Structures are given as structure tokens and as C-alpha cells.
Amino acid sequence: MSYAEVNGLRLWYESHGTGRPLVLLHGGYGAAETFAGILPALAERRRVIGVDLQGHGHTADVARPLRYESMAEDIAALIGHLGLADADLMGYSLGGGVALRTAIQHPGLVRRLVVVSAPCRRQGWYPEVLAAMAEQDERVGERMRGTPPHQLYARLAPRPADWPALWAKSGALLRREYDWSAEVAALTVPTLLVFADADSIPVTHMAEFFGLLGGGHRDAGWDGAGRPAARLAVLPGLTHYDIVRSPALPAAVLPFLTHPAGAPG
């Protein structure tokens, strides 16, 4: 467990296991600890680097807005701080957006990209999810005191009193419109998209996102020669809120990280 001084931020990270590096990026109001249930399976095969993003977990907030783009710069700087030529990235929800932006902004630093339960444009969420995001502010944060996310934050945060401020900044982020479709279509980083079949994102957007990456346009052929570099996994019986704890997630991710791009499996 350590801190990296990057971009005026003391970014907390921890490392487990050995092998090719895999950086894990958690969801909103979470921390690297969110991945505890699947960490052993990942760390058996990889050097897993869990990160607490700006204002989350052990990483104290700083005087800048929460933005996918700036958090992506933090991750790129962390990869450099660790002396890595490149790394695989896996991000969930908020962290999925940060991982995607890192690949867009620094494609040379990302060997493989895994985006879990995150869209490539804001309107990719269900309307009721967007409505809930639009209401997030300090008052909602106060009502969330005592919930598991608040308990996690109170236990890890250097300044637990910043909880309402995290909700204010997160709400401002989640209300911002974005559409990264053109940048996604230009990506060459091999990418795996993972969703739950009862996700906060409709299946139509999952297909759209996959299509931007070159998937779903044609039959792969009897020998798989037409298989795209991108992969899509829709995990059954899960939701946006429990996919990150399911053993089905590392079971889907590890083969993608291990197999050569374009190879079956």
C-alpha cells in the first residue's frame, strides 16, 4: 500500500500478486476494496494494482472538479510512476469511464482494456438511472450516511467529513453530457466490454458500444478469421450493483487478458 504524487494528488494504490500488471478502477463512492471478492482470482494470474480515485477511499480530494479526463491523467501518471511500459486496465462503472478515457488519451500505455458496466456516452444509461444521477448532491449524501458506501468511506477516507462534498462533485460529474463514440471507434486497444444482463445500461447500448469497436458486424467464419479484436460478455443473473462481486467477472476477464488478440477463447 502506498501513495503516488501525481498531478497535485496523493493517489493511493495497493499491489497484489505477480506477473503482468492489471490496474483496477472502482465505481462511484467506492474504493479498490470493492474488488475484494474477486481479487484472489485475479492476483493468482496477475500483478493487480488497485487504485482509489480522486476523493474516494484513501485518496483525499483536491481543489479540482471530478472529471473522467483528469482522473484518466492520474492513472496514466501512476503507470509512469510505477515504471511500467504499459498495463492492462479494468474499470467498473465510474472506473470504467476512467479506464476508457485513459485508453483514449494514452493508448500507448494500455495493452488491454476491460470496461465493466459503463457506457461510452451519457445517454447510454437508462432514463431512470440518469434521473437519479441528476439528483445527486450534498443533501442526498447526508441521507446516505450509515449506508455501506458511507461506512466504507468513513473507515478509509483521510477526511471523513468530505462525504457531502464527494456527493456534490460526483453529481456535477454525472450531470455532464458526454459522447465518446467517435473516439471509441478510433481505438485500436483490444477491448472487452462486460455487462450484466440486468444492468443499468440497456442491451441496445451494449450492442452499440460493441459495434463501435468493430464487433457484431459480420459472421466470424468457420475458422474465426473474421473475429474482431473486441469482445463482449453479458453475464447472466447479475445487475450493475453485484457484477463486481461475482466470480463470473474474473472468469470472463482472465481469458481475454491471457489470449493473444484475435485468438479464440
C-alpha atoms as a PDB file:
ATOM      1  CA  MET A   1       0.000   0.000   0.000  1.00  0.00           C
ATOM      2  CA  SER A   2       1.440   3.376  -0.957  1.00  0.00           C
ATOM      3  CA  TYR A   3       0.778   6.822  -2.379  1.00  0.00           C
ATOM      4  CA  ALA A   4       1.910   8.252  -5.698  1.00  0.00           C
ATOM      5  CA  GLU A   5       2.290  12.010  -6.021  1.00  0.00           C
ATOM      6  CA  VAL A   6       0.651  12.692  -9.381  1.00  0.00           C
ATOM      7  CA  ASN A   7      -0.908  15.845 -10.809  1.00  0.00           C
ATOM      8  CA  GLY A   8      -1.084  17.522  -7.397  1.00  0.00           C
ATOM      9  CA  LEU A   9      -2.871  14.474  -5.939  1.00  0.00           C
ATOM     10  CA  ARG A  10      -1.721  11.860  -3.419  1.00  0.00           C
ATOM     11  CA  LEU A  11      -3.135   8.862  -5.266  1.00  0.00           C
ATOM     12  CA  TRP A  12      -3.422   5.725  -3.120  1.00  0.00           C
ATOM     13  CA  TYR A  13      -2.747   2.304  -4.588  1.00  0.00           C
ATOM     14  CA  GLU A  14      -2.058  -1.245  -3.436  1.00  0.00           C
ATOM     15  CA  SER A  15      -0.429  -4.165  -5.228  1.00  0.00           C
ATOM     16  CA  HIS A  16      -1.125  -7.913  -5.030  1.00  0.00           C
ATOM     17  CA  GLY A  17       0.320 -10.897  -6.868  1.00  0.00           C
ATOM     18  CA  THR A  18       2.931 -11.036  -9.598  1.00  0.00           C
ATOM     19  CA  GLY A  19       3.051 -11.012 -13.367  1.00  0.00           C
ATOM     20  CA  ARG A  20       1.778  -8.600 -15.998  1.00  0.00           C
ATOM     21  CA  PRO A  21       0.187  -5.541 -14.320  1.00  0.00           C
ATOM     22  CA  LEU A  22      -3.590  -5.154 -14.182  1.00  0.00           C
ATOM     23  CA  VAL A  23      -4.878  -1.830 -12.822  1.00  0.00           C
ATOM     24  CA  LEU A  24      -8.335  -1.955 -11.199  1.00  0.00           C
ATOM     25  CA  LEU A  25     -10.542   1.153 -11.082  1.00  0.00           C
ATOM     26  CA  HIS A  26     -13.588   1.128  -8.812  1.00  0.00           C
ATOM     27  CA  GLY A  27     -17.049   2.637  -9.148  1.00  0.00           C
ATOM     28  CA  GLY A  28     -18.514   5.808  -7.692  1.00  0.00           C
ATOM     29  CA  TYR A  29     -18.469   6.170  -3.881  1.00  0.00           C
ATOM     30  CA  GLY A  30     -16.321   3.035  -3.760  1.00  0.00           C
ATOM     31  CA  ALA A  31     -12.661   2.140  -3.355  1.00  0.00           C
ATOM     32  CA  ALA A  32     -10.208  -0.510  -4.505  1.00  0.00           C
ATOM     33  CA  GLU A  33     -11.621  -2.632  -1.688  1.00  0.00           C
ATOM     34  CA  THR A  34     -14.758  -3.014  -3.815  1.00  0.00           C
ATOM     35  CA  PHE A  35     -12.890  -5.718  -5.764  1.00  0.00           C
ATOM     36  CA  ALA A  36     -12.009  -7.745  -2.640  1.00  0.00           C
ATOM     37  CA  GLY A  37     -14.305 -10.640  -3.576  1.00  0.00           C
ATOM     38  CA  ILE A  38     -12.638 -11.241  -6.945  1.00  0.00           C
ATOM     39  CA  LEU A  39      -9.115 -10.090  -6.081  1.00  0.00           C
ATOM     40  CA  PRO A  40      -7.759 -13.569  -5.208  1.00  0.00           C
ATOM     41  CA  ALA A  41      -8.780 -14.973  -8.600  1.00  0.00           C
ATOM     42  CA  LEU A  42      -7.155 -12.054 -10.421  1.00  0.00           C
ATOM     43  CA  ALA A  43      -3.997 -11.980  -8.272  1.00  0.00           C
ATOM     44  CA  GLU A  44      -3.338 -15.664  -8.942  1.00  0.00           C
ATOM     45  CA  ARG A  45      -2.545 -14.726 -12.543  1.00  0.00           C
ATOM     46  CA  ARG A  46      -1.586 -11.030 -12.500  1.00  0.00           C
ATOM     47  CA  ARG A  47       0.090  -8.271 -10.570  1.00  0.00           C
ATOM     48  CA  VAL A  48      -3.083  -6.471  -9.535  1.00  0.00           C
ATOM     49  CA  ILE A  49      -2.830  -2.760  -8.734  1.00  0.00           C
ATOM     50  CA  GLY A  50      -5.925  -1.395  -7.013  1.00  0.00           C
ATOM     51  CA  VAL A  51      -6.362   2.384  -7.061  1.00  0.00           C
ATOM     52  CA  ASP A  52      -8.522   4.741  -5.015  1.00  0.00           C
ATOM     53  CA  LEU A  53      -9.584   7.520  -7.405  1.00  0.00           C
ATOM     54  CA  GLN A  54      -9.684  11.227  -6.554  1.00  0.00           C
ATOM     55  CA  GLY A  55     -11.812  11.866  -3.459  1.00  0.00           C
ATOM     56  CA  HIS A  56     -12.519   8.155  -2.928  1.00  0.00           C
ATOM     57  CA  GLY A  57     -11.235   5.689  -0.370  1.00  0.00           C
ATOM     58  CA  HIS A  58      -7.764   6.543   0.916  1.00  0.00           C
ATOM     59  CA  THR A  59      -7.240   9.283  -1.704  1.00  0.00           C
ATOM     60  CA  ALA A  60      -8.156  12.707  -0.341  1.00  0.00           C
ATOM     61  CA  ASP A  61      -9.899  15.168  -2.623  1.00  0.00           C
ATOM     62  CA  VAL A  62      -8.100  18.180  -4.109  1.00  0.00           C
ATOM     63  CA  ALA A  63      -9.268  21.541  -5.425  1.00  0.00           C
ATOM     64  CA  ARG A  64     -10.349  20.434  -8.877  1.00  0.00           C
ATOM     65  CA  PRO A  65     -13.606  19.048 -10.260  1.00  0.00           C
ATOM     66  CA  LEU A  66     -14.174  15.321 -10.705  1.00  0.00           C
ATOM     67  CA  ARG A  67     -13.738  14.630 -14.412  1.00  0.00           C
ATOM     68  CA  TYR A  68     -13.203  11.391 -16.298  1.00  0.00           C
ATOM     69  CA  GLU A  69     -10.461  13.076 -18.294  1.00  0.00           C
ATOM     70  CA  SER A  70      -8.424  14.326 -15.316  1.00  0.00           C
ATOM     71  CA  MET A  71      -8.759  11.024 -13.451  1.00  0.00           C
ATOM     72  CA  ALA A  72      -7.511   9.301 -16.611  1.00  0.00           C
ATOM     73  CA  GLU A  73      -4.451  11.552 -16.499  1.00  0.00           C
ATOM     74  CA  ASP A  74      -3.907  10.410 -12.898  1.00  0.00           C
ATOM     75  CA  ILE A  75      -3.907   6.767 -13.991  1.00  0.00           C
ATOM     76  CA  ALA A  76      -1.505   7.481 -16.859  1.00  0.00           C
ATOM     77  CA  ALA A  77       0.796   9.262 -14.392  1.00  0.00           C
ATOM     78  CA  LEU A  78       0.556   6.326 -11.963  1.00  0.00           C
ATOM     79  CA  ILE A  79       1.635   3.904 -14.688  1.00  0.00           C
ATOM     80  CA  GLY A  80       4.660   6.103 -15.273  1.00  0.00           C
ATOM     81  CA  HIS A  81       5.313   6.453 -11.535  1.00  0.00           C
ATOM     82  CA  LEU A  82       5.420   2.668 -11.235  1.00  0.00           C
ATOM     83  CA  GLY A  83       7.936   2.463 -14.075  1.00  0.00           C
ATOM     84  CA  LEU A  84       5.639   0.390 -16.279  1.00  0.00           C
ATOM     85  CA  ALA A  85       5.869   0.481 -20.054  1.00  0.00           C
ATOM     86  CA  ASP A  86       2.153  -0.284 -20.198  1.00  0.00           C
ATOM     87  CA  ALA A  87      -0.595  -2.022 -18.228  1.00  0.00           C
ATOM     88  CA  ASP A  88      -3.949  -3.703 -18.621  1.00  0.00           C
ATOM     89  CA  LEU A  89      -6.852  -1.650 -17.241  1.00  0.00           C
ATOM     90  CA  MET A  90     -10.142  -2.868 -15.827  1.00  0.00           C
ATOM     91  CA  GLY A  91     -12.659  -0.285 -14.672  1.00  0.00           C
ATOM     92  CA  TYR A  92     -16.127  -0.690 -13.239  1.00  0.00           C
ATOM     93  CA  SER A  93     -18.900   1.925 -13.636  1.00  0.00           C
ATOM     94  CA  LEU A  94     -17.213   5.273 -12.852  1.00  0.00           C
ATOM     95  CA  GLY A  95     -13.876   3.471 -13.107  1.00  0.00           C
ATOM     96  CA  GLY A  96     -14.952   2.070 -16.474  1.00  0.00           C
ATOM     97  CA  GLY A  97     -15.284   5.608 -17.787  1.00  0.00           C
ATOM     98  CA  VAL A  98     -11.871   6.492 -16.360  1.00  0.00           C
ATOM     99  CA  ALA A  99     -10.296   3.372 -17.894  1.00  0.00           C
ATOM    100  CA  LEU A 100     -11.880   4.149 -21.267  1.00  0.00           C
ATOM    101  CA  ARG A 101     -10.634   7.742 -21.171  1.00  0.00           C
ATOM    102  CA  THR A 102      -7.131   6.524 -20.250  1.00  0.00           C
ATOM    103  CA  ALA A 103      -7.093   4.314 -23.343  1.00  0.00           C
ATOM    104  CA  ILE A 104      -8.381   7.187 -25.482  1.00  0.00           C
ATOM    105  CA  GLN A 105      -5.935   9.750 -24.096  1.00  0.00           C
ATOM    106  CA  HIS A 106      -2.909   7.437 -23.705  1.00  0.00           C
ATOM    107  CA  PRO A 107      -3.391   4.424 -25.995  1.00  0.00           C
ATOM    108  CA  GLY A 108       0.298   3.550 -25.831  1.00  0.00           C
ATOM    109  CA  LEU A 109       0.048   2.913 -22.084  1.00  0.00           C
ATOM    110  CA  VAL A 110      -2.858   0.467 -22.287  1.00  0.00           C
ATOM    111  CA  ARG A 111      -2.180  -3.094 -23.506  1.00  0.00           C
ATOM    112  CA  ARG A 112      -5.710  -4.429 -22.894  1.00  0.00           C
ATOM    113  CA  LEU A 113      -8.839  -2.584 -21.765  1.00  0.00           C
ATOM    114  CA  VAL A 114     -11.770  -4.049 -19.815  1.00  0.00           C
ATOM    115  CA  VAL A 115     -14.833  -1.824 -19.346  1.00  0.00           C
ATOM    116  CA  VAL A 116     -17.371  -3.209 -16.863  1.00  0.00           C
ATOM    117  CA  SER A 117     -20.909  -1.795 -16.677  1.00  0.00           C
ATOM    118  CA  ALA A 118     -20.128   1.604 -18.174  1.00  0.00           C
ATOM    119  CA  PRO A 119     -21.451   3.289 -21.353  1.00  0.00           C
ATOM    120  CA  CYS A 120     -19.485   5.231 -23.954  1.00  0.00           C
ATOM    121  CA  ARG A 121     -21.917   8.155 -23.850  1.00  0.00           C
ATOM    122  CA  ARG A 122     -24.012   9.580 -21.046  1.00  0.00           C
ATOM    123  CA  GLN A 123     -27.305   8.771 -22.743  1.00  0.00           C
ATOM    124  CA  GLY A 124     -26.301   5.098 -22.686  1.00  0.00           C
ATOM    125  CA  TRP A 125     -27.745   4.799 -19.162  1.00  0.00           C
ATOM    126  CA  TYR A 126     -31.431   4.005 -18.655  1.00  0.00           C
ATOM    127  CA  PRO A 127     -33.538   7.190 -18.259  1.00  0.00           C
ATOM    128  CA  GLU A 128     -34.378   6.392 -14.635  1.00  0.00           C
ATOM    129  CA  VAL A 129     -30.677   5.990 -13.862  1.00  0.00           C
ATOM    130  CA  LEU A 130     -29.939   9.376 -15.458  1.00  0.00           C
ATOM    131  CA  ALA A 131     -32.718  10.915 -13.381  1.00  0.00           C
ATOM    132  CA  ALA A 132     -31.215   9.508 -10.185  1.00  0.00           C
ATOM    133  CA  MET A 133     -27.759  10.760 -11.186  1.00  0.00           C
ATOM    134  CA  ALA A 134     -29.144  14.256 -11.798  1.00  0.00           C
ATOM    135  CA  GLU A 135     -30.398  14.451  -8.199  1.00  0.00           C
ATOM    136  CA  GLN A 136     -27.091  13.622  -6.530  1.00  0.00           C
ATOM    137  CA  ASP A 137     -25.853  16.425  -4.286  1.00  0.00           C
ATOM    138  CA  GLU A 138     -24.839  17.144  -0.679  1.00  0.00           C
ATOM    139  CA  ARG A 139     -28.363  16.588   0.630  1.00  0.00           C
ATOM    140  CA  VAL A 140     -28.557  13.123  -0.881  1.00  0.00           C
ATOM    141  CA  GLY A 141     -25.124  12.416   0.559  1.00  0.00           C
ATOM    142  CA  GLU A 142     -26.386  13.321   4.026  1.00  0.00           C
ATOM    143  CA  ARG A 143     -29.288  10.902   3.610  1.00  0.00           C
ATOM    144  CA  MET A 144     -26.814   8.178   2.629  1.00  0.00           C
ATOM    145  CA  ARG A 145     -24.987   8.305   5.949  1.00  0.00           C
ATOM    146  CA  GLY A 146     -24.895   4.892   7.577  1.00  0.00           C
ATOM    147  CA  THR A 147     -25.199   3.005   4.272  1.00  0.00           C
ATOM    148  CA  PRO A 148     -22.432   0.567   3.203  1.00  0.00           C
ATOM    149  CA  PRO A 149     -20.785   3.126   0.845  1.00  0.00           C
ATOM    150  CA  HIS A 150     -20.679   5.689   3.653  1.00  0.00           C
ATOM    151  CA  GLN A 151     -19.337   3.132   6.112  1.00  0.00           C
ATOM    152  CA  LEU A 152     -16.547   2.285   3.648  1.00  0.00           C
ATOM    153  CA  TYR A 153     -15.750   5.964   3.132  1.00  0.00           C
ATOM    154  CA  ALA A 154     -15.787   6.748   6.866  1.00  0.00           C
ATOM    155  CA  ARG A 155     -13.364   3.901   7.505  1.00  0.00           C
ATOM    156  CA  LEU A 156     -10.890   4.741   4.717  1.00  0.00           C
ATOM    157  CA  ALA A 157     -11.038   8.452   3.926  1.00  0.00           C
ATOM    158  CA  PRO A 158      -8.305  10.744   5.270  1.00  0.00           C
ATOM    159  CA  ARG A 159     -11.044  13.360   5.833  1.00  0.00           C
ATOM    160  CA  PRO A 160     -14.374  11.601   6.507  1.00  0.00           C
ATOM    161  CA  ALA A 161     -16.124  14.973   6.767  1.00  0.00           C
ATOM    162  CA  ASP A 162     -15.671  15.375   2.995  1.00  0.00           C
ATOM    163  CA  TRP A 163     -18.512  12.883   2.341  1.00  0.00           C
ATOM    164  CA  PRO A 164     -21.092  15.552   1.331  1.00  0.00           C
ATOM    165  CA  ALA A 165     -18.512  17.248  -0.905  1.00  0.00           C
ATOM    166  CA  LEU A 166     -17.908  13.954  -2.719  1.00  0.00           C
ATOM    167  CA  TRP A 167     -21.624  13.775  -3.493  1.00  0.00           C
ATOM    168  CA  ALA A 168     -21.647  17.364  -4.744  1.00  0.00           C
ATOM    169  CA  LYS A 169     -18.656  16.773  -7.047  1.00  0.00           C
ATOM    170  CA  SER A 170     -19.944  13.381  -8.204  1.00  0.00           C
ATOM    171  CA  GLY A 171     -23.332  14.881  -9.023  1.00  0.00           C
ATOM    172  CA  ALA A 172     -21.699  17.618 -11.078  1.00  0.00           C
ATOM    173  CA  LEU A 173     -19.735  14.957 -12.983  1.00  0.00           C
ATOM    174  CA  LEU A 174     -22.740  12.724 -13.574  1.00  0.00           C
ATOM    175  CA  ARG A 175     -24.863  15.607 -14.903  1.00  0.00           C
ATOM    176  CA  ARG A 176     -22.301  16.496 -17.586  1.00  0.00           C
ATOM    177  CA  GLU A 177     -23.156  15.320 -21.083  1.00  0.00           C
ATOM    178  CA  TYR A 178     -20.538  13.359 -22.985  1.00  0.00           C
ATOM    179  CA  ASP A 179     -20.358  11.213 -26.078  1.00  0.00           C
ATOM    180  CA  TRP A 180     -17.081   9.439 -26.793  1.00  0.00           C
ATOM    181  CA  SER A 181     -18.425   7.412 -29.714  1.00  0.00           C
ATOM    182  CA  ALA A 182     -16.039   8.825 -32.319  1.00  0.00           C
ATOM    183  CA  GLU A 183     -13.027   8.318 -30.058  1.00  0.00           C
ATOM    184  CA  VAL A 184     -14.138   4.780 -29.211  1.00  0.00           C
ATOM    185  CA  ALA A 185     -14.471   3.964 -32.909  1.00  0.00           C
ATOM    186  CA  ALA A 186     -10.858   5.093 -33.397  1.00  0.00           C
ATOM    187  CA  LEU A 187      -9.466   2.919 -30.583  1.00  0.00           C
ATOM    188  CA  THR A 188      -7.032   0.169 -31.518  1.00  0.00           C
ATOM    189  CA  VAL A 189      -6.521  -1.138 -27.976  1.00  0.00           C
ATOM    190  CA  PRO A 190      -8.017  -4.658 -27.656  1.00  0.00           C
ATOM    191  CA  THR A 191     -11.116  -4.160 -25.533  1.00  0.00           C
ATOM    192  CA  LEU A 192     -13.511  -6.368 -23.601  1.00  0.00           C
ATOM    193  CA  LEU A 193     -16.915  -4.980 -22.638  1.00  0.00           C
ATOM    194  CA  VAL A 194     -18.615  -6.728 -19.718  1.00  0.00           C
ATOM    195  CA  PHE A 195     -22.209  -6.093 -18.679  1.00  0.00           C
ATOM    196  CA  ALA A 196     -24.846  -7.744 -16.538  1.00  0.00           C
ATOM    197  CA  ASP A 197     -27.995  -8.946 -18.264  1.00  0.00           C
ATOM    198  CA  ALA A 198     -29.981  -6.759 -15.814  1.00  0.00           C
ATOM    199  CA  ASP A 199     -27.555  -3.834 -15.929  1.00  0.00           C
ATOM    200  CA  SER A 200     -28.249  -0.094 -15.583  1.00  0.00           C
ATOM    201  CA  ILE A 201     -27.418   0.095 -19.280  1.00  0.00           C
ATOM    202  CA  PRO A 202     -29.813  -1.280 -21.930  1.00  0.00           C
ATOM    203  CA  VAL A 203     -28.734  -4.134 -24.168  1.00  0.00           C
ATOM    204  CA  THR A 204     -29.182  -1.838 -27.170  1.00  0.00           C
ATOM    205  CA  HIS A 205     -26.359   0.374 -25.913  1.00  0.00           C
ATOM    206  CA  MET A 206     -24.172  -2.633 -25.176  1.00  0.00           C
ATOM    207  CA  ALA A 207     -24.540  -3.627 -28.834  1.00  0.00           C
ATOM    208  CA  GLU A 208     -23.920  -0.072 -29.998  1.00  0.00           C
ATOM    209  CA  PHE A 209     -20.727   0.195 -27.913  1.00  0.00           C
ATOM    210  CA  PHE A 210     -19.509  -3.187 -29.196  1.00  0.00           C
ATOM    211  CA  GLY A 211     -20.293  -2.132 -32.741  1.00  0.00           C
ATOM    212  CA  LEU A 212     -18.146   0.986 -32.418  1.00  0.00           C
ATOM    213  CA  LEU A 213     -15.245  -1.296 -31.507  1.00  0.00           C
ATOM    214  CA  GLY A 214     -15.753  -3.367 -34.647  1.00  0.00           C
ATOM    215  CA  GLY A 215     -17.877  -6.126 -33.137  1.00  0.00           C
ATOM    216  CA  GLY A 216     -21.183  -7.520 -34.313  1.00  0.00           C
ATOM    217  CA  HIS A 217     -20.902  -6.537 -37.976  1.00  0.00           C
ATOM    218  CA  ARG A 218     -20.345  -9.918 -39.630  1.00  0.00           C
ATOM    219  CA  ASP A 219     -20.005 -13.626 -39.131  1.00  0.00           C
ATOM    220  CA  ALA A 220     -16.534 -14.584 -37.884  1.00  0.00           C
ATOM    221  CA  GLY A 221     -16.334 -17.526 -40.294  1.00  0.00           C
ATOM    222  CA  TRP A 222     -15.819 -21.210 -39.583  1.00  0.00           C
ATOM    223  CA  ASP A 223     -12.184 -20.605 -38.583  1.00  0.00           C
ATOM    224  CA  GLY A 224     -12.844 -17.413 -36.607  1.00  0.00           C
ATOM    225  CA  ALA A 225     -10.739 -15.358 -39.007  1.00  0.00           C
ATOM    226  CA  GLY A 226     -13.362 -12.609 -39.037  1.00  0.00           C
ATOM    227  CA  ARG A 227     -13.412 -12.270 -35.255  1.00  0.00           C
ATOM    228  CA  PRO A 228     -12.936  -8.657 -34.097  1.00  0.00           C
ATOM    229  CA  ALA A 229     -10.249  -7.709 -31.571  1.00  0.00           C
ATOM    230  CA  ALA A 230     -13.011  -6.509 -29.251  1.00  0.00           C
ATOM    231  CA  ARG A 231     -15.032  -8.879 -27.058  1.00  0.00           C
ATOM    232  CA  LEU A 232     -18.469  -8.594 -25.471  1.00  0.00           C
ATOM    233  CA  ALA A 233     -19.616 -10.528 -22.388  1.00  0.00           C
ATOM    234  CA  VAL A 234     -23.135 -10.271 -20.961  1.00  0.00           C
ATOM    235  CA  LEU A 235     -23.180 -12.118 -17.648  1.00  0.00           C
ATOM    236  CA  PRO A 236     -26.494 -13.782 -16.725  1.00  0.00           C
ATOM    237  CA  GLY A 237     -28.380 -13.279 -13.495  1.00  0.00           C
ATOM    238  CA  LEU A 238     -26.452 -10.181 -12.421  1.00  0.00           C
ATOM    239  CA  THR A 239     -27.082  -6.450 -12.059  1.00  0.00           C
ATOM    240  CA  HIS A 240     -24.984  -3.299 -12.185  1.00  0.00           C
ATOM    241  CA  TYR A 241     -24.644  -3.493  -8.414  1.00  0.00           C
ATOM    242  CA  ASP A 242     -23.464  -7.073  -7.903  1.00  0.00           C
ATOM    243  CA  ILE A 243     -21.458  -7.808 -11.069  1.00  0.00           C
ATOM    244  CA  VAL A 244     -18.247  -6.585  -9.448  1.00  0.00           C
ATOM    245  CA  ARG A 245     -18.518  -9.242  -6.718  1.00  0.00           C
ATOM    246  CA  SER A 246     -19.393 -12.176  -8.973  1.00  0.00           C
ATOM    247  CA  PRO A 247     -16.859 -14.925  -9.761  1.00  0.00           C
ATOM    248  CA  ALA A 248     -18.267 -14.791 -13.285  1.00  0.00           C
ATOM    249  CA  LEU A 249     -16.412 -11.497 -13.788  1.00  0.00           C
ATOM    250  CA  PRO A 250     -12.817 -12.776 -13.453  1.00  0.00           C
ATOM    251  CA  ALA A 251     -13.884 -15.925 -15.335  1.00  0.00           C
ATOM    252  CA  ALA A 252     -14.778 -13.684 -18.291  1.00  0.00           C
ATOM    253  CA  VAL A 253     -11.863 -11.279 -17.945  1.00  0.00           C
ATOM    254  CA  LEU A 254      -8.839 -13.537 -17.428  1.00  0.00           C
ATOM    255  CA  PRO A 255      -9.080 -15.440 -20.748  1.00  0.00           C
ATOM    256  CA  PHE A 256      -9.283 -12.117 -22.600  1.00  0.00           C
ATOM    257  CA  LEU A 257      -6.193 -10.814 -20.819  1.00  0.00           C
ATOM    258  CA  THR A 258      -4.292 -14.040 -21.451  1.00  0.00           C
ATOM    259  CA  HIS A 259      -5.096 -14.950 -25.052  1.00  0.00           C
ATOM    260  CA  PRO A 260      -3.412 -13.181 -27.975  1.00  0.00           C
ATOM    261  CA  ALA A 261      -5.575 -10.556 -29.633  1.00  0.00           C
ATOM    262  CA  GLY A 262      -7.860 -12.148 -32.206  1.00  0.00           C
ATOM    263  CA  ALA A 263      -7.345 -15.668 -30.873  1.00  0.00           C
ATOM    264  CA  PRO A 264     -10.312 -17.820 -29.883  1.00  0.00           C
ATOM    265  CA  GLY A 265     -11.126 -18.162 -26.156  1.00  0.00           C
END
